Amino acid sequence: MSDNSVRIPASSQTVGPYFRIGLEYLANRNPVPSIVPAGMVEIRGRVLDRDGLPVPDAMLEFWSGARARRLFDGNDAENGIPEGFRRVATDEKGEFALAIARPAAETASDAHFMVLVFARGLLRHLISRVYLGDEVRNDSDAVLLRVPPDRRATLIARADEKQPGLYWWDVVLQGTNETVFFAW
């Protein structure tokens, strides 16, 4: 193709209906350990559509805040799968569970996970964040403070009262209690 040729962009196409088949090999198949090691947290939740129904073939990527910042700034030369990264698929009930290293915050604004949501019907992934509900640095996170107060709860994983290190967080794709998503 010469430099003088006209390039016509291709249209977007939604992923699916066989989204899970194409990405199954990428999803984290390691079960959550029965005892989550020190320095790790467990996050459990669901991905729901606007009617509150489960999305059985979504995939979530969790990146620690500091790791994501370095990666997107182009300053991360680490190879392989870092401990501050996990990819997990939802099951037939729309549920997911993962164990991941607690965010090692280099700054107050790194005390979260960046979350990418992939699912059929989306033209591109959605970008969100999840903050651990018992993290004191949430009060000084500049991004969280810019989210309207009545919407912040959609970004905060609730600490389990009976099991330390366990957090609950649902992703709602549309409608009432829709999770806050960000443009990147």
C-alpha atoms as a PDB file:
ATOM      1  CA  MET A   1       0.000   0.000   0.000  1.00  0.00           C
ATOM      2  CA  SER A   2       1.473   3.352  -0.986  1.00  0.00           C
ATOM      3  CA  ASP A   3       1.460   6.458   1.181  1.00  0.00           C
ATOM      4  CA  ASN A   4      -0.979   8.076  -1.251  1.00  0.00           C
ATOM      5  CA  SER A   5      -3.656   5.415  -0.888  1.00  0.00           C
ATOM      6  CA  VAL A   6      -6.907   6.082   0.904  1.00  0.00           C
ATOM      7  CA  ARG A   7      -7.473   4.127   4.098  1.00  0.00           C
ATOM      8  CA  ILE A   8     -11.019   3.410   5.115  1.00  0.00           C
ATOM      9  CA  PRO A   9     -11.514   2.477   8.744  1.00  0.00           C
ATOM     10  CA  ALA A  10     -13.352  -0.745   9.473  1.00  0.00           C
ATOM     11  CA  SER A  11     -16.463  -0.596  11.583  1.00  0.00           C
ATOM     12  CA  SER A  12     -16.558  -1.856  15.149  1.00  0.00           C
ATOM     13  CA  GLN A  13     -18.188  -5.148  15.890  1.00  0.00           C
ATOM     14  CA  THR A  14     -19.441  -6.404  19.224  1.00  0.00           C
ATOM     15  CA  VAL A  15     -17.730  -9.380  20.762  1.00  0.00           C
ATOM     16  CA  GLY A  16     -19.766 -12.566  20.850  1.00  0.00           C
ATOM     17  CA  PRO A  17     -21.968 -14.390  21.146  1.00  0.00           C
ATOM     18  CA  TYR A  18     -19.079 -16.767  21.870  1.00  0.00           C
ATOM     19  CA  PHE A  19     -16.918 -14.385  23.877  1.00  0.00           C
ATOM     20  CA  ARG A  20     -15.910 -16.895  26.540  1.00  0.00           C
ATOM     21  CA  ILE A  21     -14.739 -19.504  24.030  1.00  0.00           C
ATOM     22  CA  GLY A  22     -12.252 -17.091  22.495  1.00  0.00           C
ATOM     23  CA  LEU A  23     -10.743 -16.027  25.816  1.00  0.00           C
ATOM     24  CA  GLU A  24     -11.065 -19.098  28.031  1.00  0.00           C
ATOM     25  CA  TYR A  25      -7.380 -19.903  27.767  1.00  0.00           C
ATOM     26  CA  LEU A  26      -6.495 -16.404  29.029  1.00  0.00           C
ATOM     27  CA  ALA A  27      -8.655 -16.494  32.155  1.00  0.00           C
ATOM     28  CA  ASN A  28      -7.152 -17.262  35.549  1.00  0.00           C
ATOM     29  CA  ARG A  29      -7.989 -20.920  36.138  1.00  0.00           C
ATOM     30  CA  ASN A  30      -6.190 -21.081  39.451  1.00  0.00           C
ATOM     31  CA  PRO A  31      -8.759 -21.469  42.210  1.00  0.00           C
ATOM     32  CA  VAL A  32      -8.645 -19.048  45.094  1.00  0.00           C
ATOM     33  CA  PRO A  33      -6.575 -20.741  47.820  1.00  0.00           C
ATOM     34  CA  SER A  34      -8.513 -21.884  50.882  1.00  0.00           C
ATOM     35  CA  ILE A  35      -6.212 -19.711  52.986  1.00  0.00           C
ATOM     36  CA  VAL A  36      -5.261 -16.443  51.320  1.00  0.00           C
ATOM     37  CA  PRO A  37      -1.581 -15.699  52.056  1.00  0.00           C
ATOM     38  CA  ALA A  38      -0.506 -12.615  54.002  1.00  0.00           C
ATOM     39  CA  GLY A  39      -0.291  -9.516  51.828  1.00  0.00           C
ATOM     40  CA  MET A  40      -3.043 -10.811  49.556  1.00  0.00           C
ATOM     41  CA  VAL A  41      -6.742 -10.000  49.455  1.00  0.00           C
ATOM     42  CA  GLU A  42      -9.640 -11.957  48.053  1.00  0.00           C
ATOM     43  CA  ILE A  43     -12.278 -10.174  46.000  1.00  0.00           C
ATOM     44  CA  ARG A  44     -15.566 -11.887  45.217  1.00  0.00           C
ATOM     45  CA  GLY A  45     -18.501 -10.505  43.326  1.00  0.00           C
ATOM     46  CA  ARG A  46     -20.794 -10.656  40.336  1.00  0.00           C
ATOM     47  CA  VAL A  47     -21.135  -8.987  36.964  1.00  0.00           C
ATOM     48  CA  LEU A  48     -24.764  -7.988  36.375  1.00  0.00           C
ATOM     49  CA  ASP A  49     -26.631  -6.488  33.447  1.00  0.00           C
ATOM     50  CA  ARG A  50     -29.099  -3.601  33.727  1.00  0.00           C
ATOM     51  CA  ASP A  51     -31.908  -5.941  34.787  1.00  0.00           C
ATOM     52  CA  GLY A  52     -29.826  -7.404  37.617  1.00  0.00           C
ATOM     53  CA  LEU A  53     -29.281 -10.642  35.705  1.00  0.00           C
ATOM     54  CA  PRO A  54     -25.890 -12.361  35.791  1.00  0.00           C
ATOM     55  CA  VAL A  55     -23.449 -11.988  32.895  1.00  0.00           C
ATOM     56  CA  PRO A  56     -22.060 -15.532  32.646  1.00  0.00           C
ATOM     57  CA  ASP A  57     -19.261 -14.871  30.189  1.00  0.00           C
ATOM     58  CA  ALA A  58     -17.547 -11.676  31.282  1.00  0.00           C
ATOM     59  CA  MET A  59     -13.858 -11.371  31.992  1.00  0.00           C
ATOM     60  CA  LEU A  60     -12.235  -8.954  34.427  1.00  0.00           C
ATOM     61  CA  GLU A  61      -8.621  -7.817  34.610  1.00  0.00           C
ATOM     62  CA  PHE A  62      -7.395  -6.424  37.917  1.00  0.00           C
ATOM     63  CA  TRP A  63      -4.236  -4.282  37.984  1.00  0.00           C
ATOM     64  CA  SER A  64      -2.794  -2.781  41.138  1.00  0.00           C
ATOM     65  CA  GLY A  65      -2.915   1.015  40.996  1.00  0.00           C
ATOM     66  CA  ALA A  66       0.866   1.525  41.059  1.00  0.00           C
ATOM     67  CA  ARG A  67       1.459  -1.219  38.487  1.00  0.00           C
ATOM     68  CA  ALA A  68      -1.204   0.154  36.139  1.00  0.00           C
ATOM     69  CA  ARG A  69       0.186   3.685  36.378  1.00  0.00           C
ATOM     70  CA  ARG A  70       3.705   2.506  35.514  1.00  0.00           C
ATOM     71  CA  LEU A  71       2.423   0.369  32.647  1.00  0.00           C
ATOM     72  CA  PHE A  72       0.291   3.104  31.093  1.00  0.00           C
ATOM     73  CA  ASP A  73       3.076   5.662  31.542  1.00  0.00           C
ATOM     74  CA  GLY A  74       5.411   3.329  29.632  1.00  0.00           C
ATOM     75  CA  ASN A  75       7.771   3.003  32.608  1.00  0.00           C
ATOM     76  CA  ASP A  76       7.225  -0.682  33.406  1.00  0.00           C
ATOM     77  CA  ALA A  77       9.824  -2.999  31.938  1.00  0.00           C
ATOM     78  CA  GLU A  78       8.789  -6.019  34.027  1.00  0.00           C
ATOM     79  CA  ASN A  79       8.255  -9.219  32.044  1.00  0.00           C
ATOM     80  CA  GLY A  80       5.828 -12.024  32.772  1.00  0.00           C
ATOM     81  CA  ILE A  81       2.674 -11.877  34.858  1.00  0.00           C
ATOM     82  CA  PRO A  82       3.132  -9.530  37.813  1.00  0.00           C
ATOM     83  CA  GLU A  83       1.672 -10.317  41.213  1.00  0.00           C
ATOM     84  CA  GLY A  84      -0.415  -7.128  41.029  1.00  0.00           C
ATOM     85  CA  PHE A  85      -2.337  -8.473  38.014  1.00  0.00           C
ATOM     86  CA  ARG A  86      -5.093 -11.074  37.716  1.00  0.00           C
ATOM     87  CA  ARG A  87      -7.525 -12.010  34.980  1.00  0.00           C
ATOM     88  CA  VAL A  88     -10.684 -13.860  35.977  1.00  0.00           C
ATOM     89  CA  ALA A  89     -13.828 -15.012  34.147  1.00  0.00           C
ATOM     90  CA  THR A  90     -17.346 -15.087  35.536  1.00  0.00           C
ATOM     91  CA  ASP A  91     -19.149 -18.397  35.936  1.00  0.00           C
ATOM     92  CA  GLU A  92     -22.692 -19.299  34.839  1.00  0.00           C
ATOM     93  CA  LYS A  93     -24.055 -17.277  37.796  1.00  0.00           C
ATOM     94  CA  GLY A  94     -22.028 -14.214  36.793  1.00  0.00           C
ATOM     95  CA  GLU A  95     -19.796 -14.700  39.850  1.00  0.00           C
ATOM     96  CA  PHE A  96     -16.038 -14.296  40.100  1.00  0.00           C
ATOM     97  CA  ALA A  97     -13.414 -14.727  42.799  1.00  0.00           C
ATOM     98  CA  LEU A  98      -9.719 -13.950  42.847  1.00  0.00           C
ATOM     99  CA  ALA A  99      -6.814 -13.551  45.225  1.00  0.00           C
ATOM    100  CA  ILE A 100      -4.446 -10.705  44.451  1.00  0.00           C
ATOM    101  CA  ALA A 101      -1.687  -8.800  46.222  1.00  0.00           C
ATOM    102  CA  ARG A 102      -3.010  -5.879  48.241  1.00  0.00           C
ATOM    103  CA  PRO A 103      -2.106  -2.679  46.375  1.00  0.00           C
ATOM    104  CA  ALA A 104       1.378  -1.631  47.405  1.00  0.00           C
ATOM    105  CA  ALA A 105       0.711   2.046  47.184  1.00  0.00           C
ATOM    106  CA  GLU A 106       3.645   4.174  46.136  1.00  0.00           C
ATOM    107  CA  THR A 107       1.412   7.221  46.544  1.00  0.00           C
ATOM    108  CA  ALA A 108      -1.966   7.803  48.179  1.00  0.00           C
ATOM    109  CA  SER A 109      -3.593   7.572  44.745  1.00  0.00           C
ATOM    110  CA  ASP A 110      -2.271   4.028  44.162  1.00  0.00           C
ATOM    111  CA  ALA A 111      -4.384   2.342  46.853  1.00  0.00           C
ATOM    112  CA  HIS A 112      -6.852   0.814  44.392  1.00  0.00           C
ATOM    113  CA  PHE A 113      -7.122  -1.695  41.560  1.00  0.00           C
ATOM    114  CA  MET A 114      -7.698  -0.654  37.964  1.00  0.00           C
ATOM    115  CA  VAL A 115     -10.330  -3.013  36.515  1.00  0.00           C
ATOM    116  CA  LEU A 116     -10.973  -3.712  32.839  1.00  0.00           C
ATOM    117  CA  VAL A 117     -14.317  -5.351  32.038  1.00  0.00           C
ATOM    118  CA  PHE A 118     -14.725  -7.406  28.865  1.00  0.00           C
ATOM    119  CA  ALA A 119     -18.086  -8.909  27.870  1.00  0.00           C
ATOM    120  CA  ARG A 120     -20.135  -9.767  24.829  1.00  0.00           C
ATOM    121  CA  GLY A 121     -22.058  -6.855  23.440  1.00  0.00           C
ATOM    122  CA  LEU A 122     -19.368  -4.311  24.301  1.00  0.00           C
ATOM    123  CA  LEU A 123     -17.593  -2.545  21.457  1.00  0.00           C
ATOM    124  CA  ARG A 124     -14.579  -2.087  23.718  1.00  0.00           C
ATOM    125  CA  HIS A 125     -13.682  -2.891  27.283  1.00  0.00           C
ATOM    126  CA  LEU A 126     -14.928  -0.784  30.174  1.00  0.00           C
ATOM    127  CA  ILE A 127     -12.507   0.780  32.640  1.00  0.00           C
ATOM    128  CA  SER A 128     -13.281   1.084  36.323  1.00  0.00           C
ATOM    129  CA  ARG A 129     -11.542   1.051  39.686  1.00  0.00           C
ATOM    130  CA  VAL A 130     -12.141  -0.805  42.903  1.00  0.00           C
ATOM    131  CA  TYR A 131     -11.104   0.513  46.294  1.00  0.00           C
ATOM    132  CA  LEU A 132     -10.926  -1.679  49.386  1.00  0.00           C
ATOM    133  CA  GLY A 133     -13.582  -0.452  51.805  1.00  0.00           C
ATOM    134  CA  ASP A 134     -11.339  -0.416  54.859  1.00  0.00           C
ATOM    135  CA  GLU A 135      -8.468   1.470  53.182  1.00  0.00           C
ATOM    136  CA  VAL A 136      -7.896   4.782  54.970  1.00  0.00           C
ATOM    137  CA  ARG A 137      -6.180   6.313  51.931  1.00  0.00           C
ATOM    138  CA  ASN A 138      -9.492   6.306  50.030  1.00  0.00           C
ATOM    139  CA  ASP A 139     -10.298   9.636  51.685  1.00  0.00           C
ATOM    140  CA  SER A 140      -7.400  11.303  49.871  1.00  0.00           C
ATOM    141  CA  ASP A 141      -7.678   9.665  46.444  1.00  0.00           C
ATOM    142  CA  ALA A 142      -8.118  12.483  43.911  1.00  0.00           C
ATOM    143  CA  VAL A 143     -10.053  10.368  41.403  1.00  0.00           C
ATOM    144  CA  LEU A 144     -12.451   8.909  43.969  1.00  0.00           C
ATOM    145  CA  LEU A 145     -13.102  12.376  45.382  1.00  0.00           C
ATOM    146  CA  ARG A 146     -14.129  13.600  41.899  1.00  0.00           C
ATOM    147  CA  VAL A 147     -16.860  10.947  41.688  1.00  0.00           C
ATOM    148  CA  PRO A 148     -20.201  12.260  42.994  1.00  0.00           C
ATOM    149  CA  PRO A 149     -20.695  11.079  46.608  1.00  0.00           C
ATOM    150  CA  ASP A 150     -23.858   9.130  45.762  1.00  0.00           C
ATOM    151  CA  ARG A 151     -21.934   7.105  43.104  1.00  0.00           C
ATOM    152  CA  ARG A 152     -18.727   6.328  45.045  1.00  0.00           C
ATOM    153  CA  ALA A 153     -20.152   3.192  46.638  1.00  0.00           C
ATOM    154  CA  THR A 154     -20.098   1.494  43.212  1.00  0.00           C
ATOM    155  CA  LEU A 155     -16.292   1.650  43.334  1.00  0.00           C
ATOM    156  CA  ILE A 156     -15.785   0.429  46.903  1.00  0.00           C
ATOM    157  CA  ALA A 157     -15.473  -3.266  47.776  1.00  0.00           C
ATOM    158  CA  ARG A 158     -17.132  -4.029  51.104  1.00  0.00           C
ATOM    159  CA  ALA A 159     -14.943  -5.756  53.685  1.00  0.00           C
ATOM    160  CA  ASP A 160     -16.439  -9.034  54.903  1.00  0.00           C
ATOM    161  CA  GLU A 161     -17.313  -8.728  58.593  1.00  0.00           C
ATOM    162  CA  LYS A 162     -16.493 -12.351  59.375  1.00  0.00           C
ATOM    163  CA  GLN A 163     -13.478 -13.088  57.181  1.00  0.00           C
ATOM    164  CA  PRO A 164     -10.546 -10.643  57.226  1.00  0.00           C
ATOM    165  CA  GLY A 165      -9.007 -10.053  53.799  1.00  0.00           C
ATOM    166  CA  LEU A 166     -12.247 -10.872  51.935  1.00  0.00           C
ATOM    167  CA  TYR A 167     -14.049  -8.134  49.995  1.00  0.00           C
ATOM    168  CA  TRP A 168     -17.317  -8.088  48.035  1.00  0.00           C
ATOM    169  CA  TRP A 169     -17.746  -5.990  44.885  1.00  0.00           C
ATOM    170  CA  ASP A 170     -20.325  -6.214  42.098  1.00  0.00           C
ATOM    171  CA  VAL A 171     -19.995  -4.754  38.619  1.00  0.00           C
ATOM    172  CA  VAL A 172     -23.309  -3.444  37.276  1.00  0.00           C
ATOM    173  CA  LEU A 173     -23.082  -2.692  33.564  1.00  0.00           C
ATOM    174  CA  GLN A 174     -26.112  -0.362  33.241  1.00  0.00           C
ATOM    175  CA  GLY A 175     -29.102   1.016  35.071  1.00  0.00           C
ATOM    176  CA  THR A 176     -29.699   1.517  38.772  1.00  0.00           C
ATOM    177  CA  ASN A 177     -26.449   1.363  40.740  1.00  0.00           C
ATOM    178  CA  GLU A 178     -24.404   1.218  37.542  1.00  0.00           C
ATOM    179  CA  THR A 179     -20.709   0.943  38.331  1.00  0.00           C
ATOM    180  CA  VAL A 180     -18.758   4.102  37.577  1.00  0.00           C
ATOM    181  CA  PHE A 181     -16.724   3.632  34.398  1.00  0.00           C
ATOM    182  CA  PHE A 182     -13.982   5.953  33.175  1.00  0.00           C
ATOM    183  CA  ALA A 183     -12.843   7.131  29.751  1.00  0.00           C
ATOM    184  CA  TRP A 184      -9.158   6.519  29.229  1.00  0.00           C
END
